[in-house]
PDB file of N, CA and C in Angstrom:
ATOM      1  N   UNK A   1      -1.466  -5.270  -1.503  1.00  0.00           N
ATOM      2  CA  UNK A   1      -1.494  -4.383  -0.365  1.00  0.00           C
ATOM      3  C   UNK A   1      -2.460  -4.857   0.704  1.00  0.00           C
ATOM      4  N   UNK A   2      -2.905  -6.102   0.590  1.00  0.00           N
ATOM      5  CA  UNK A   2      -3.829  -6.642   1.584  1.00  0.00           C
ATOM      6  C   UNK A   2      -3.207  -7.840   2.280  1.00  0.00           C
ATOM      7  N   UNK A   3      -3.718  -8.153   3.421  1.00  0.00           N
ATOM      8  CA  UNK A   3      -3.220  -9.288   4.179  1.00  0.00           C
ATOM      9  C   UNK A   3      -2.188  -8.865   5.208  1.00  0.00           C
ATOM     10  N   UNK A   4      -2.003  -9.721   6.203  1.00  0.00           N
ATOM     11  CA  UNK A   4      -1.098  -9.425   7.307  1.00  0.00           C
ATOM     12  C   UNK A   4       0.352  -9.263   6.883  1.00  0.00           C
ATOM     13  N   UNK A   5       0.748  -9.929   5.844  1.00  0.00           N
ATOM     14  CA  UNK A   5       2.162  -9.902   5.449  1.00  0.00           C
ATOM     15  C   UNK A   5       2.508  -8.813   4.440  1.00  0.00           C
ATOM     16  N   UNK A   6       1.523  -8.077   3.966  1.00  0.00           N
ATOM     17  CA  UNK A   6       1.773  -7.085   2.915  1.00  0.00           C
ATOM     18  C   UNK A   6       2.797  -6.031   3.330  1.00  0.00           C
ATOM     19  N   UNK A   7       2.775  -5.610   4.575  1.00  0.00           N
ATOM     20  CA  UNK A   7       3.707  -4.594   5.060  1.00  0.00           C
ATOM     21  C   UNK A   7       4.510  -5.124   6.243  1.00  0.00           C
ATOM     22  N   UNK A   8       4.785  -6.420   6.235  1.00  0.00           N
ATOM     23  CA  UNK A   8       5.567  -7.048   7.299  1.00  0.00           C
ATOM     24  C   UNK A   8       7.038  -7.073   6.901  1.00  0.00           C
ATOM     25  N   UNK A   9       7.888  -6.709   7.826  1.00  0.00           N
ATOM     26  CA  UNK A   9       9.324  -6.653   7.582  1.00  0.00           C
ATOM     27  C   UNK A   9      10.027  -7.515   8.626  1.00  0.00           C
ATOM     28  N   UNK A  10      11.001  -8.316   8.178  1.00  0.00           N
ATOM     29  CA  UNK A  10      11.649  -9.267   9.068  1.00  0.00           C
ATOM     30  C   UNK A  10      13.172  -9.147   9.083  1.00  0.00           C
ATOM     31  N   UNK A  11      13.796  -9.023   7.945  1.00  0.00           N
ATOM     32  CA  UNK A  11      15.258  -8.977   7.876  1.00  0.00           C
ATOM     33  C   UNK A  11      15.820  -7.703   8.487  1.00  0.00           C
ATOM     34  N   UNK A  12      16.916  -7.817   9.222  1.00  0.00           N
ATOM     35  CA  UNK A  12      17.506  -6.677   9.918  1.00  0.00           C
ATOM     36  C   UNK A  12      17.880  -5.516   9.011  1.00  0.00           C
ATOM     37  N   UNK A  13      18.540  -5.790   7.901  1.00  0.00           N
ATOM     38  CA  UNK A  13      18.932  -4.719   6.976  1.00  0.00           C
ATOM     39  C   UNK A  13      17.693  -4.082   6.358  1.00  0.00           C
ATOM     40  N   UNK A  14      16.716  -4.890   6.062  1.00  0.00           N
ATOM     41  CA  UNK A  14      15.448  -4.426   5.496  1.00  0.00           C
ATOM     42  C   UNK A  14      14.758  -3.473   6.478  1.00  0.00           C
ATOM     43  N   UNK A  15      14.658  -3.874   7.734  1.00  0.00           N
ATOM     44  CA  UNK A  15      14.009  -3.047   8.760  1.00  0.00           C
ATOM     45  C   UNK A  15      14.788  -1.755   8.964  1.00  0.00           C
ATOM     46  N   UNK A  16      16.097  -1.839   8.959  1.00  0.00           N
ATOM     47  CA  UNK A  16      16.927  -0.646   9.105  1.00  0.00           C
ATOM     48  C   UNK A  16      16.623   0.357   7.994  1.00  0.00           C
ATOM     49  N   UNK A  17      16.497  -0.123   6.771  1.00  0.00           N
ATOM     50  CA  UNK A  17      16.188   0.756   5.638  1.00  0.00           C
ATOM     51  C   UNK A  17      14.809   1.383   5.782  1.00  0.00           C
ATOM     52  N   UNK A  18      13.828   0.611   6.219  1.00  0.00           N
ATOM     53  CA  UNK A  18      12.466   1.133   6.394  1.00  0.00           C
ATOM     54  C   UNK A  18      12.446   2.200   7.484  1.00  0.00           C
ATOM     55  N   UNK A  19      13.219   2.002   8.542  1.00  0.00           N
ATOM     56  CA  UNK A  19      13.271   2.990   9.623  1.00  0.00           C
ATOM     57  C   UNK A  19      13.878   4.310   9.150  1.00  0.00           C
ATOM     58  N   UNK A  20      14.807   4.227   8.211  1.00  0.00           N
ATOM     59  CA  UNK A  20      15.448   5.436   7.697  1.00  0.00           C
ATOM     60  C   UNK A  20      14.585   6.134   6.654  1.00  0.00           C
ATOM     61  N   UNK A  21      13.910   5.343   5.819  1.00  0.00           N
ATOM     62  CA  UNK A  21      13.072   5.905   4.755  1.00  0.00           C
ATOM     63  C   UNK A  21      12.046   4.852   4.338  1.00  0.00           C
ATOM     64  N   UNK A  22      10.816   5.020   4.785  1.00  0.00           N
ATOM     65  CA  UNK A  22       9.764   4.033   4.517  1.00  0.00           C
ATOM     66  C   UNK A  22       9.590   3.730   3.039  1.00  0.00           C
ATOM     67  N   UNK A  23       9.820   4.724   2.199  1.00  0.00           N
ATOM     68  CA  UNK A  23       9.580   4.564   0.765  1.00  0.00           C
ATOM     69  C   UNK A  23      10.533   3.571   0.096  1.00  0.00           C
ATOM     70  N   UNK A  24      11.600   3.161   0.778  1.00  0.00           N
ATOM     71  CA  UNK A  24      12.513   2.194   0.177  1.00  0.00           C
ATOM     72  C   UNK A  24      11.831   0.850  -0.047  1.00  0.00           C
ATOM     73  N   UNK A  25      10.894   0.478   0.839  1.00  0.00           N
ATOM     74  CA  UNK A  25      10.213  -0.809   0.710  1.00  0.00           C
ATOM     75  C   UNK A  25       8.692  -0.710   0.724  1.00  0.00           C
ATOM     76  N   UNK A  26       8.147   0.461   1.014  1.00  0.00           N
ATOM     77  CA  UNK A  26       6.692   0.619   1.035  1.00  0.00           C
ATOM     78  C   UNK A  26       6.295   1.667   0.004  1.00  0.00           C
ATOM     79  N   UNK A  27       5.588   1.241  -1.026  1.00  0.00           N
ATOM     80  CA  UNK A  27       5.213   2.140  -2.128  1.00  0.00           C
ATOM     81  C   UNK A  27       4.146   3.141  -1.710  1.00  0.00           C
ATOM     82  N   UNK A  28       3.325   2.747  -0.737  1.00  0.00           N
ATOM     83  CA  UNK A  28       2.264   3.618  -0.241  1.00  0.00           C
ATOM     84  C   UNK A  28       2.228   3.529   1.281  1.00  0.00           C
ATOM     85  N   UNK A  29       1.536   4.451   1.899  1.00  0.00           N
ATOM     86  CA  UNK A  29       1.365   4.419   3.351  1.00  0.00           C
ATOM     87  C   UNK A  29       0.373   3.302   3.671  1.00  0.00           C
ATOM     88  N   UNK A  30       0.759   2.329   4.497  1.00  0.00           N
ATOM     89  CA  UNK A  30      -0.106   1.170   4.766  1.00  0.00           C
ATOM     90  C   UNK A  30      -1.514   1.547   5.230  1.00  0.00           C
ATOM     91  N   UNK A  31      -1.621   2.579   6.042  1.00  0.00           N
ATOM     92  CA  UNK A  31      -2.923   2.995   6.567  1.00  0.00           C
ATOM     93  C   UNK A  31      -3.880   3.483   5.477  1.00  0.00           C
ATOM     94  N   UNK A  32      -3.344   3.923   4.349  1.00  0.00           N
ATOM     95  CA  UNK A  32      -4.208   4.383   3.246  1.00  0.00           C
ATOM     96  C   UNK A  32      -5.028   3.254   2.640  1.00  0.00           C
ATOM     97  N   UNK A  33      -4.571   2.022   2.836  1.00  0.00           N
ATOM     98  CA  UNK A  33      -5.313   0.868   2.326  1.00  0.00           C
ATOM     99  C   UNK A  33      -5.837  -0.003   3.471  1.00  0.00           C
ATOM    100  N   UNK A  34      -5.927   0.598   4.664  1.00  0.00           N
ATOM    101  CA  UNK A  34      -6.467  -0.128   5.806  1.00  0.00           C
ATOM    102  C   UNK A  34      -5.532  -1.168   6.386  1.00  0.00           C
ATOM    103  N   UNK A  35      -4.248  -0.989   6.189  1.00  0.00           N
ATOM    104  CA  UNK A  35      -3.277  -1.948   6.697  1.00  0.00           C
ATOM    105  C   UNK A  35      -2.354  -1.237   7.675  1.00  0.00           C
ATOM    106  N   UNK A  36      -1.317  -1.928   8.144  1.00  0.00           N
ATOM    107  CA  UNK A  36      -0.342  -1.320   9.041  1.00  0.00           C
ATOM    108  C   UNK A  36       1.011  -1.989   8.850  1.00  0.00           C
ATOM    109  N   UNK A  37       2.064  -1.296   9.237  1.00  0.00           N
ATOM    110  CA  UNK A  37       3.414  -1.847   9.169  1.00  0.00           C
ATOM    111  C   UNK A  37       3.607  -2.805  10.339  1.00  0.00           C
ATOM    112  N   UNK A  38       4.245  -3.935  10.049  1.00  0.00           N
ATOM    113  CA  UNK A  38       4.590  -4.902  11.090  1.00  0.00           C
ATOM    114  C   UNK A  38       6.068  -5.216  10.977  1.00  0.00           C
ATOM    115  N   UNK A  39       6.731  -5.255  12.116  1.00  0.00           N
ATOM    116  CA  UNK A  39       8.134  -5.666  12.162  1.00  0.00           C
ATOM    117  C   UNK A  39       8.188  -6.927  13.001  1.00  0.00           C
ATOM    118  N   UNK A  40       8.713  -7.975  12.409  1.00  0.00           N
ATOM    119  CA  UNK A  40       8.768  -9.275  13.060  1.00  0.00           C
ATOM    120  C   UNK A  40      10.150  -9.514  13.658  1.00  0.00           C
ATOM    121  N   UNK A  41      10.185 -10.352  14.681  1.00  0.00           N
ATOM    122  CA  UNK A  41      11.457 -10.769  15.268  1.00  0.00           C
ATOM    123  C   UNK A  41      11.631 -12.246  14.954  1.00  0.00           C
ATOM    124  N   UNK A  42      12.750 -12.573  14.312  1.00  0.00           N
ATOM    125  CA  UNK A  42      13.024 -13.956  13.921  1.00  0.00           C
ATOM    126  C   UNK A  42      14.536 -14.160  13.863  1.00  0.00           C
ATOM    127  N   UNK A  43      14.934 -15.278  13.315  1.00  0.00           N
ATOM    128  CA  UNK A  43      16.364 -15.552  13.167  1.00  0.00           C
ATOM    129  C   UNK A  43      17.026 -14.615  12.154  1.00  0.00           C
ATOM    130  N   UNK A  44      16.248 -13.916  11.358  1.00  0.00           N
ATOM    131  CA  UNK A  44      16.780 -12.951  10.391  1.00  0.00           C
ATOM    132  C   UNK A  44      16.877 -11.541  10.963  1.00  0.00           C
ATOM    133  N   UNK A  45      16.391 -11.359  12.179  1.00  0.00           N
ATOM    134  CA  UNK A  45      16.340 -10.038  12.798  1.00  0.00           C
ATOM    135  C   UNK A  45      17.723  -9.521  13.152  1.00  0.00           C
ATOM    136  N   UNK A  46      17.771  -8.206  13.241  1.00  0.00           N
ATOM    137  CA  UNK A  46      18.990  -7.538  13.688  1.00  0.00           C
ATOM    138  C   UNK A  46      18.637  -6.520  14.761  1.00  0.00           C
ATOM    139  N   UNK A  47      19.581  -5.667  15.067  1.00  0.00           N
ATOM    140  CA  UNK A  47      19.367  -4.635  16.089  1.00  0.00           C
ATOM    141  C   UNK A  47      18.192  -3.728  15.743  1.00  0.00           C
ATOM    142  N   UNK A  48      18.013  -3.468  14.465  1.00  0.00           N
ATOM    143  CA  UNK A  48      16.939  -2.565  14.038  1.00  0.00           C
ATOM    144  C   UNK A  48      15.564  -3.106  14.406  1.00  0.00           C
ATOM    145  N   UNK A  49      15.382  -4.409  14.308  1.00  0.00           N
ATOM    146  CA  UNK A  49      14.097  -5.010  14.667  1.00  0.00           C
ATOM    147  C   UNK A  49      13.802  -4.775  16.144  1.00  0.00           C
ATOM    148  N   UNK A  50      14.795  -4.998  16.983  1.00  0.00           N
ATOM    149  CA  UNK A  50      14.625  -4.815  18.424  1.00  0.00           C
ATOM    150  C   UNK A  50      14.397  -3.346  18.744  1.00  0.00           C
ATOM    151  N   UNK A  51      15.163  -2.475  18.096  1.00  0.00           N
ATOM    152  CA  UNK A  51      15.005  -1.033  18.307  1.00  0.00           C
ATOM    153  C   UNK A  51      13.599  -0.587  17.919  1.00  0.00           C
ATOM    154  N   UNK A  52      13.109  -1.059  16.776  1.00  0.00           N
ATOM    155  CA  UNK A  52      11.760  -0.693  16.322  1.00  0.00           C
ATOM    156  C   UNK A  52      10.714  -1.154  17.331  1.00  0.00           C
ATOM    157  N   UNK A  53      10.845  -2.385  17.800  1.00  0.00           N
ATOM    158  CA  UNK A  53       9.880  -2.944  18.747  1.00  0.00           C
ATOM    159  C   UNK A  53       9.883  -2.188  20.071  1.00  0.00           C
ATOM    160  N   UNK A  54      11.024  -1.650  20.475  1.00  0.00           N
ATOM    161  CA  UNK A  54      11.118  -0.973  21.767  1.00  0.00           C
ATOM    162  C   UNK A  54      10.557   0.447  21.735  1.00  0.00           C
ATOM    163  N   UNK A  55      10.337   0.985  20.545  1.00  0.00           N
ATOM    164  CA  UNK A  55       9.820   2.364  20.429  1.00  0.00           C
ATOM    165  C   UNK A  55       8.326   2.435  20.575  1.00  0.00           C
TER     166      UNK A  55
END
């Protein structure tokens, strides 16, 4: 639960699932351990990544 990549999400389907229900891929709230959720944009990204970034 530590490090920049612990709560980083990149794949479009993965990000879509996290947006609908965080508990699908995050066992705990990132802020409870001093971390934060990150959504990356890459060649694996989909519409959900862009939508998340625009909010």
